[in-house]
Amino acid sequence: MTSETTASCPKGAEVLVDTLVSHGVDTVFGVPGDTGVILALPITFVVLDNTSTGWIKTLQHLYLEQRCFGVDPGPVDAVLLATGMGIPGARATTLDQLELLVEGSMDHDGPAVIHVPVPEQKDASPPVAPWPAALAGRTTTRPVH
């Protein structure tokens, strides 16, 4: 989201933005979050966070003998960062909690952040075509992505 698209949202409109984050929460805490606060936009940022650079870490895990480096910047507390920007934040660890938090976020003026910790890609691999064979040990050749 850019400040142009944010600014063009009509005041009072309900907007849900999924912010998929694999290496921290910097995607929310910059122009989108700041603009949401300034304009009191009803945006709910759902931060799906695996606390690592998942794609790169998975490639290293699969094709560098499970040696990973420079891919774990550490956990970032999205709720604390949101609060510091004046955005209400909460953490959901179950689908029921997520549903309640999303519904609750629609009932107030301005943006909200919901932090959802998710497994790392190397532990819960997405359906990337060559990865199942590498995970099963049937290939060690790194594909070109």
N, C-alpha and C. Protein backbone atom coordinates (compact mmCIF):
# COMPACT_ATOMS: atom_id res chain seq x y z
N MET A 1 0.84 -1.16 0.00
CA MET A 1 0.00 0.00 0.00
C MET A 1 0.89 1.23 0.00
N THR A 2 0.54 2.18 -0.82
CA THR A 2 1.28 3.44 -0.84
C THR A 2 0.42 4.52 -0.22
N SER A 3 1.04 5.66 0.06
CA SER A 3 0.25 6.75 0.64
C SER A 3 -0.82 7.23 -0.33
N GLU A 4 -0.60 7.06 -1.64
CA GLU A 4 -1.63 7.45 -2.61
C GLU A 4 -2.87 6.58 -2.46
N THR A 5 -2.70 5.27 -2.43
CA THR A 5 -3.87 4.41 -2.32
C THR A 5 -4.51 4.53 -0.95
N THR A 6 -3.69 4.75 0.08
CA THR A 6 -4.25 4.94 1.41
C THR A 6 -5.07 6.21 1.46
N ALA A 7 -4.54 7.29 0.93
CA ALA A 7 -5.23 8.57 0.99
C ALA A 7 -6.52 8.54 0.18
N SER A 8 -6.62 7.68 -0.83
CA SER A 8 -7.82 7.65 -1.65
C SER A 8 -8.93 6.80 -1.04
N CYS A 9 -8.66 6.11 0.07
CA CYS A 9 -9.70 5.32 0.73
C CYS A 9 -10.71 6.27 1.36
N PRO A 10 -11.99 6.06 1.11
CA PRO A 10 -12.97 6.96 1.70
C PRO A 10 -13.02 6.79 3.21
N LYS A 11 -13.11 7.87 3.93
CA LYS A 11 -13.19 7.82 5.38
C LYS A 11 -14.44 7.04 5.78
N GLY A 12 -14.25 6.10 6.70
CA GLY A 12 -15.37 5.29 7.15
C GLY A 12 -15.48 3.96 6.43
N ALA A 13 -14.72 3.77 5.35
CA ALA A 13 -14.78 2.50 4.63
C ALA A 13 -14.06 1.43 5.44
N GLU A 14 -14.57 0.21 5.40
CA GLU A 14 -13.91 -0.90 6.07
C GLU A 14 -12.93 -1.54 5.11
N VAL A 15 -11.66 -1.56 5.49
CA VAL A 15 -10.61 -2.09 4.64
C VAL A 15 -9.81 -3.10 5.45
N LEU A 16 -9.57 -4.27 4.88
CA LEU A 16 -8.72 -5.27 5.53
C LEU A 16 -7.50 -5.47 4.66
N VAL A 17 -6.34 -5.24 5.23
CA VAL A 17 -5.09 -5.40 4.51
C VAL A 17 -4.32 -6.54 5.13
N ASP A 18 -3.99 -7.56 4.36
CA ASP A 18 -3.12 -8.63 4.83
C ASP A 18 -1.70 -8.21 4.56
N THR A 19 -0.90 -8.15 5.58
CA THR A 19 0.49 -7.81 5.42
C THR A 19 1.30 -9.06 5.73
N LEU A 20 1.80 -9.70 4.71
CA LEU A 20 2.56 -10.93 4.89
C LEU A 20 4.02 -10.57 5.10
N VAL A 21 4.53 -10.95 6.24
CA VAL A 21 5.87 -10.55 6.62
C VAL A 21 6.69 -11.78 6.93
N SER A 22 7.89 -11.86 6.33
CA SER A 22 8.74 -13.01 6.61
C SER A 22 10.02 -12.63 7.31
N HIS A 23 10.29 -11.36 7.45
CA HIS A 23 11.56 -10.98 8.08
C HIS A 23 11.42 -9.76 8.99
N GLY A 24 10.31 -9.63 9.62
CA GLY A 24 10.08 -8.51 10.52
C GLY A 24 8.80 -7.82 10.14
N VAL A 25 8.50 -6.78 10.83
CA VAL A 25 7.24 -6.11 10.61
C VAL A 25 7.40 -4.74 9.95
N ASP A 26 8.50 -4.55 9.25
CA ASP A 26 8.78 -3.25 8.64
C ASP A 26 7.78 -2.88 7.56
N THR A 27 7.06 -3.86 7.00
CA THR A 27 6.09 -3.57 5.95
C THR A 27 4.95 -2.72 6.48
N VAL A 28 4.55 -2.93 7.73
CA VAL A 28 3.46 -2.16 8.32
C VAL A 28 3.96 -0.84 8.89
N PHE A 29 5.12 -0.88 9.54
CA PHE A 29 5.54 0.27 10.34
C PHE A 29 6.42 1.20 9.52
N GLY A 30 5.78 1.98 8.74
CA GLY A 30 6.39 2.95 7.85
C GLY A 30 5.25 3.78 7.32
N VAL A 31 5.24 3.96 6.02
CA VAL A 31 4.21 4.80 5.39
C VAL A 31 2.80 4.26 5.64
N PRO A 32 2.53 2.94 5.46
CA PRO A 32 1.14 2.49 5.66
C PRO A 32 0.62 2.74 7.08
N GLY A 33 1.39 2.34 8.08
CA GLY A 33 0.93 2.52 9.46
C GLY A 33 0.81 3.98 9.83
N ASP A 34 1.80 4.78 9.47
CA ASP A 34 1.80 6.19 9.78
C ASP A 34 0.64 6.90 9.10
N THR A 35 0.41 6.59 7.84
CA THR A 35 -0.69 7.20 7.10
C THR A 35 -2.03 6.79 7.72
N GLY A 36 -2.12 5.52 8.11
CA GLY A 36 -3.35 5.05 8.75
C GLY A 36 -3.66 5.80 10.03
N VAL A 37 -2.63 6.11 10.83
CA VAL A 37 -2.81 6.86 12.07
C VAL A 37 -3.20 8.30 11.76
N ILE A 38 -2.45 8.95 10.86
CA ILE A 38 -2.70 10.36 10.54
C ILE A 38 -4.12 10.57 10.02
N LEU A 39 -4.57 9.67 9.13
CA LEU A 39 -5.89 9.83 8.52
C LEU A 39 -6.98 9.05 9.25
N ALA A 40 -6.63 8.37 10.34
CA ALA A 40 -7.59 7.56 11.12
C ALA A 40 -8.32 6.57 10.21
N LEU A 41 -7.55 5.90 9.34
CA LEU A 41 -8.16 4.96 8.40
C LEU A 41 -8.47 3.64 9.10
N PRO A 42 -9.62 3.07 8.82
CA PRO A 42 -10.00 1.80 9.45
C PRO A 42 -9.35 0.61 8.75
N ILE A 43 -8.04 0.49 8.92
CA ILE A 43 -7.28 -0.58 8.28
C ILE A 43 -6.86 -1.57 9.36
N THR A 44 -7.06 -2.84 9.11
CA THR A 44 -6.57 -3.87 10.01
C THR A 44 -5.42 -4.58 9.33
N PHE A 45 -4.22 -4.42 9.90
CA PHE A 45 -3.03 -5.10 9.39
C PHE A 45 -2.93 -6.45 10.09
N VAL A 46 -2.99 -7.52 9.33
CA VAL A 46 -2.80 -8.85 9.89
C VAL A 46 -1.38 -9.27 9.51
N VAL A 47 -0.50 -9.33 10.51
CA VAL A 47 0.91 -9.61 10.28
C VAL A 47 1.15 -11.10 10.52
N LEU A 48 1.37 -11.85 9.45
CA LEU A 48 1.72 -13.26 9.54
C LEU A 48 3.23 -13.33 9.60
N ASP A 49 3.78 -13.68 10.76
CA ASP A 49 5.20 -13.48 11.03
C ASP A 49 5.89 -14.78 11.41
N ASN A 50 6.89 -15.17 10.61
CA ASN A 50 7.68 -16.36 10.94
C ASN A 50 9.07 -16.00 11.47
N THR A 51 9.32 -14.74 11.77
CA THR A 51 10.53 -14.20 12.38
C THR A 51 11.83 -14.53 11.65
N SER A 52 11.77 -14.86 10.38
CA SER A 52 13.00 -15.10 9.62
C SER A 52 12.78 -14.73 8.17
N THR A 53 13.87 -14.69 7.42
CA THR A 53 13.74 -14.52 5.97
C THR A 53 13.50 -15.91 5.40
N GLY A 54 12.27 -16.35 5.50
CA GLY A 54 11.87 -17.72 5.26
C GLY A 54 12.29 -18.34 3.94
N TRP A 55 12.09 -17.63 2.85
CA TRP A 55 12.42 -18.20 1.54
C TRP A 55 13.92 -18.49 1.45
N ILE A 56 14.73 -17.51 1.84
CA ILE A 56 16.18 -17.67 1.78
C ILE A 56 16.64 -18.74 2.77
N LYS A 57 16.05 -18.74 3.96
CA LYS A 57 16.42 -19.74 4.97
C LYS A 57 16.09 -21.15 4.47
N THR A 58 14.95 -21.31 3.83
CA THR A 58 14.57 -22.62 3.32
C THR A 58 15.53 -23.08 2.22
N LEU A 59 15.90 -22.16 1.32
CA LEU A 59 16.86 -22.51 0.28
C LEU A 59 18.19 -22.96 0.89
N GLN A 60 18.65 -22.22 1.90
CA GLN A 60 19.90 -22.60 2.57
C GLN A 60 19.75 -23.95 3.26
N HIS A 61 18.63 -24.17 3.92
CA HIS A 61 18.38 -25.43 4.62
C HIS A 61 18.38 -26.61 3.64
N LEU A 62 17.74 -26.42 2.50
CA LEU A 62 17.60 -27.51 1.53
C LEU A 62 18.87 -27.78 0.73
N TYR A 63 19.60 -26.73 0.37
CA TYR A 63 20.67 -26.90 -0.60
C TYR A 63 22.07 -26.57 -0.07
N LEU A 64 22.18 -26.21 1.20
CA LEU A 64 23.49 -25.95 1.80
C LEU A 64 23.69 -26.81 3.04
N GLU A 65 23.28 -28.06 2.93
CA GLU A 65 23.47 -29.04 4.01
C GLU A 65 22.90 -28.55 5.33
N GLN A 66 21.74 -27.92 5.29
CA GLN A 66 21.00 -27.43 6.44
C GLN A 66 21.76 -26.35 7.23
N ARG A 67 22.74 -25.72 6.58
CA ARG A 67 23.47 -24.61 7.22
C ARG A 67 22.80 -23.30 6.82
N CYS A 68 22.34 -22.57 7.80
CA CYS A 68 21.67 -21.30 7.54
C CYS A 68 22.46 -20.17 8.17
N PHE A 69 22.58 -19.05 7.46
CA PHE A 69 23.31 -17.91 8.00
C PHE A 69 22.67 -16.61 7.52
N GLY A 70 22.65 -15.63 8.41
CA GLY A 70 22.14 -14.30 8.07
C GLY A 70 20.65 -14.25 7.79
N VAL A 71 19.88 -15.19 8.32
CA VAL A 71 18.47 -15.26 7.99
C VAL A 71 17.55 -15.19 9.21
N ASP A 72 18.12 -15.02 10.38
CA ASP A 72 17.34 -14.96 11.61
C ASP A 72 17.56 -13.64 12.34
N PRO A 73 16.88 -12.59 11.89
CA PRO A 73 17.09 -11.30 12.54
C PRO A 73 16.53 -11.26 13.96
N GLY A 74 15.79 -12.28 14.35
CA GLY A 74 15.22 -12.32 15.69
C GLY A 74 13.78 -11.86 15.69
N PRO A 75 13.06 -12.19 16.72
CA PRO A 75 11.65 -11.79 16.77
C PRO A 75 11.51 -10.28 16.98
N VAL A 76 10.50 -9.74 16.36
CA VAL A 76 10.14 -8.34 16.53
C VAL A 76 8.73 -8.34 17.09
N ASP A 77 8.50 -7.61 18.14
CA ASP A 77 7.18 -7.58 18.78
C ASP A 77 6.28 -6.60 18.04
N ALA A 78 5.47 -7.13 17.13
CA ALA A 78 4.60 -6.29 16.31
C ALA A 78 3.58 -5.53 17.16
N VAL A 79 3.12 -6.15 18.23
CA VAL A 79 2.14 -5.50 19.09
C VAL A 79 2.76 -4.29 19.79
N LEU A 80 3.97 -4.45 20.29
CA LEU A 80 4.66 -3.35 20.96
C LEU A 80 4.98 -2.22 19.98
N LEU A 81 5.42 -2.57 18.77
CA LEU A 81 5.69 -1.54 17.76
C LEU A 81 4.42 -0.78 17.40
N ALA A 82 3.33 -1.51 17.22
CA ALA A 82 2.06 -0.86 16.89
C ALA A 82 1.65 0.11 17.99
N THR A 83 1.74 -0.36 19.23
CA THR A 83 1.38 0.48 20.36
C THR A 83 2.23 1.75 20.40
N GLY A 84 3.51 1.61 20.08
CA GLY A 84 4.41 2.75 20.05
C GLY A 84 4.03 3.78 19.00
N MET A 85 3.34 3.34 17.95
CA MET A 85 2.88 4.26 16.90
C MET A 85 1.48 4.79 17.16
N GLY A 86 0.88 4.35 18.28
CA GLY A 86 -0.49 4.78 18.58
C GLY A 86 -1.54 3.91 17.91
N ILE A 87 -1.14 2.71 17.47
CA ILE A 87 -2.06 1.77 16.81
C ILE A 87 -2.36 0.65 17.80
N PRO A 88 -3.64 0.36 18.07
CA PRO A 88 -3.94 -0.77 18.94
C PRO A 88 -3.44 -2.07 18.30
N GLY A 89 -2.82 -2.90 19.12
CA GLY A 89 -2.30 -4.16 18.60
C GLY A 89 -2.62 -5.32 19.53
N ALA A 90 -2.73 -6.51 18.95
CA ALA A 90 -3.01 -7.73 19.73
C ALA A 90 -2.40 -8.91 18.99
N ARG A 91 -2.23 -9.99 19.71
CA ARG A 91 -1.63 -11.21 19.15
C ARG A 91 -2.68 -12.31 19.13
N ALA A 92 -2.76 -13.03 18.01
CA ALA A 92 -3.67 -14.17 17.88
C ALA A 92 -2.85 -15.43 17.68
N THR A 93 -3.12 -16.43 18.50
CA THR A 93 -2.41 -17.71 18.36
C THR A 93 -3.36 -18.84 17.98
N THR A 94 -4.65 -18.53 17.85
CA THR A 94 -5.64 -19.51 17.39
C THR A 94 -6.55 -18.84 16.36
N LEU A 95 -7.24 -19.65 15.58
CA LEU A 95 -8.18 -19.09 14.60
C LEU A 95 -9.34 -18.37 15.30
N ASP A 96 -9.78 -18.90 16.43
CA ASP A 96 -10.86 -18.24 17.17
C ASP A 96 -10.43 -16.86 17.65
N GLN A 97 -9.21 -16.75 18.17
CA GLN A 97 -8.70 -15.44 18.59
C GLN A 97 -8.60 -14.50 17.40
N LEU A 98 -8.10 -15.00 16.28
CA LEU A 98 -7.97 -14.17 15.08
C LEU A 98 -9.33 -13.64 14.65
N GLU A 99 -10.32 -14.50 14.62
CA GLU A 99 -11.66 -14.08 14.22
C GLU A 99 -12.19 -12.99 15.15
N LEU A 100 -12.04 -13.17 16.46
CA LEU A 100 -12.51 -12.16 17.41
C LEU A 100 -11.76 -10.84 17.26
N LEU A 101 -10.45 -10.93 17.07
CA LEU A 101 -9.65 -9.71 16.93
C LEU A 101 -9.98 -8.96 15.64
N VAL A 102 -10.19 -9.68 14.54
CA VAL A 102 -10.57 -9.02 13.28
C VAL A 102 -11.93 -8.34 13.45
N GLU A 103 -12.89 -9.05 14.03
CA GLU A 103 -14.21 -8.45 14.24
C GLU A 103 -14.11 -7.23 15.14
N GLY A 104 -13.33 -7.33 16.22
CA GLY A 104 -13.17 -6.21 17.14
C GLY A 104 -12.47 -5.02 16.51
N SER A 105 -11.54 -5.29 15.60
CA SER A 105 -10.80 -4.19 14.97
C SER A 105 -11.69 -3.36 14.05
N MET A 106 -12.76 -3.93 13.59
CA MET A 106 -13.68 -3.22 12.70
C MET A 106 -14.59 -2.26 13.48
N ASP A 107 -14.59 -2.39 14.81
CA ASP A 107 -15.51 -1.60 15.63
C ASP A 107 -14.90 -0.31 16.17
N HIS A 108 -13.71 0.07 15.71
CA HIS A 108 -13.12 1.30 16.21
C HIS A 108 -12.57 2.12 15.05
N ASP A 109 -12.38 3.41 15.30
CA ASP A 109 -11.82 4.30 14.28
C ASP A 109 -10.31 4.13 14.22
N GLY A 110 -9.77 4.15 13.03
CA GLY A 110 -8.33 4.09 12.85
C GLY A 110 -7.82 2.67 12.64
N PRO A 111 -6.51 2.57 12.43
CA PRO A 111 -5.91 1.27 12.10
C PRO A 111 -5.74 0.39 13.34
N ALA A 112 -5.52 -0.89 13.10
CA ALA A 112 -5.23 -1.87 14.15
C ALA A 112 -4.22 -2.87 13.57
N VAL A 113 -3.48 -3.51 14.47
CA VAL A 113 -2.52 -4.54 14.07
C VAL A 113 -2.84 -5.82 14.81
N ILE A 114 -2.88 -6.92 14.07
CA ILE A 114 -3.02 -8.24 14.66
C ILE A 114 -1.80 -9.05 14.26
N HIS A 115 -1.04 -9.48 15.25
CA HIS A 115 0.18 -10.26 15.02
C HIS A 115 -0.16 -11.74 15.13
N VAL A 116 0.17 -12.51 14.08
CA VAL A 116 -0.09 -13.95 14.06
C VAL A 116 1.24 -14.67 13.83
N PRO A 117 1.80 -15.27 14.90
CA PRO A 117 3.02 -16.06 14.70
C PRO A 117 2.70 -17.29 13.85
N VAL A 118 3.54 -17.57 12.86
CA VAL A 118 3.36 -18.74 12.00
C VAL A 118 4.66 -19.53 11.93
N PRO A 119 4.59 -20.81 11.56
CA PRO A 119 5.82 -21.61 11.48
C PRO A 119 6.75 -21.11 10.38
N GLU A 120 8.02 -21.39 10.55
CA GLU A 120 8.98 -21.05 9.51
C GLU A 120 8.73 -21.91 8.28
N GLN A 121 9.11 -21.40 7.12
CA GLN A 121 8.89 -22.14 5.88
C GLN A 121 9.64 -23.45 5.86
N LYS A 122 10.80 -23.50 6.47
CA LYS A 122 11.55 -24.76 6.44
C LYS A 122 10.86 -25.83 7.27
N ASP A 123 9.99 -25.41 8.21
CA ASP A 123 9.25 -26.35 9.05
C ASP A 123 7.86 -26.64 8.50
N ALA A 124 7.32 -25.75 7.71
CA ALA A 124 6.00 -25.91 7.11
C ALA A 124 6.11 -25.39 5.68
N SER A 125 6.71 -26.17 4.83
CA SER A 125 7.06 -25.74 3.48
C SER A 125 5.84 -25.41 2.63
N PRO A 126 5.91 -24.25 1.94
CA PRO A 126 4.84 -23.93 0.99
C PRO A 126 4.97 -24.82 -0.24
N PRO A 127 3.94 -24.85 -1.08
CA PRO A 127 3.96 -25.75 -2.25
C PRO A 127 4.83 -25.22 -3.39
N VAL A 128 6.11 -25.10 -3.15
CA VAL A 128 7.06 -24.70 -4.18
C VAL A 128 7.49 -26.00 -4.88
N ALA A 129 7.27 -26.09 -6.17
CA ALA A 129 7.41 -27.35 -6.92
C ALA A 129 8.65 -28.18 -6.58
N PRO A 130 9.88 -27.64 -6.57
CA PRO A 130 11.03 -28.50 -6.34
C PRO A 130 11.28 -28.84 -4.86
N TRP A 131 10.63 -28.16 -3.92
CA TRP A 131 10.98 -28.35 -2.52
C TRP A 131 10.58 -29.70 -1.93
N PRO A 132 9.44 -30.29 -2.28
CA PRO A 132 9.11 -31.60 -1.70
C PRO A 132 10.19 -32.66 -1.99
N ALA A 133 10.74 -32.67 -3.20
CA ALA A 133 11.80 -33.63 -3.54
C ALA A 133 13.05 -33.38 -2.71
N ALA A 134 13.38 -32.11 -2.50
CA ALA A 134 14.56 -31.79 -1.69
C ALA A 134 14.32 -32.16 -0.22
N LEU A 135 13.12 -31.90 0.28
CA LEU A 135 12.79 -32.25 1.66
C LEU A 135 12.84 -33.76 1.88
N ALA A 136 12.46 -34.52 0.86
CA ALA A 136 12.47 -35.98 0.95
C ALA A 136 13.85 -36.56 0.67
N GLY A 137 14.82 -35.71 0.32
CA GLY A 137 16.18 -36.19 0.06
C GLY A 137 16.37 -36.78 -1.32
N ARG A 138 15.43 -36.56 -2.23
CA ARG A 138 15.54 -37.13 -3.58
C ARG A 138 16.37 -36.29 -4.52
N THR A 139 16.72 -35.06 -4.12
CA THR A 139 17.56 -34.20 -4.93
C THR A 139 18.36 -33.26 -4.03
N THR A 140 19.53 -32.90 -4.49
CA THR A 140 20.36 -31.93 -3.75
C THR A 140 20.74 -30.76 -4.64
N THR A 141 20.28 -30.79 -5.89
CA THR A 141 20.60 -29.72 -6.85
C THR A 141 19.63 -28.56 -6.64
N ARG A 142 20.20 -27.38 -6.48
CA ARG A 142 19.36 -26.22 -6.27
C ARG A 142 18.75 -25.76 -7.59
N PRO A 143 17.42 -25.63 -7.63
CA PRO A 143 16.78 -25.15 -8.86
C PRO A 143 16.99 -23.65 -9.02
N VAL A 144 16.81 -23.18 -10.23
CA VAL A 144 16.87 -21.75 -10.50
C VAL A 144 15.48 -21.20 -10.27
N HIS A 145 15.39 -20.19 -9.41
CA HIS A 145 14.08 -19.57 -9.12
C HIS A 145 14.02 -18.23 -9.80
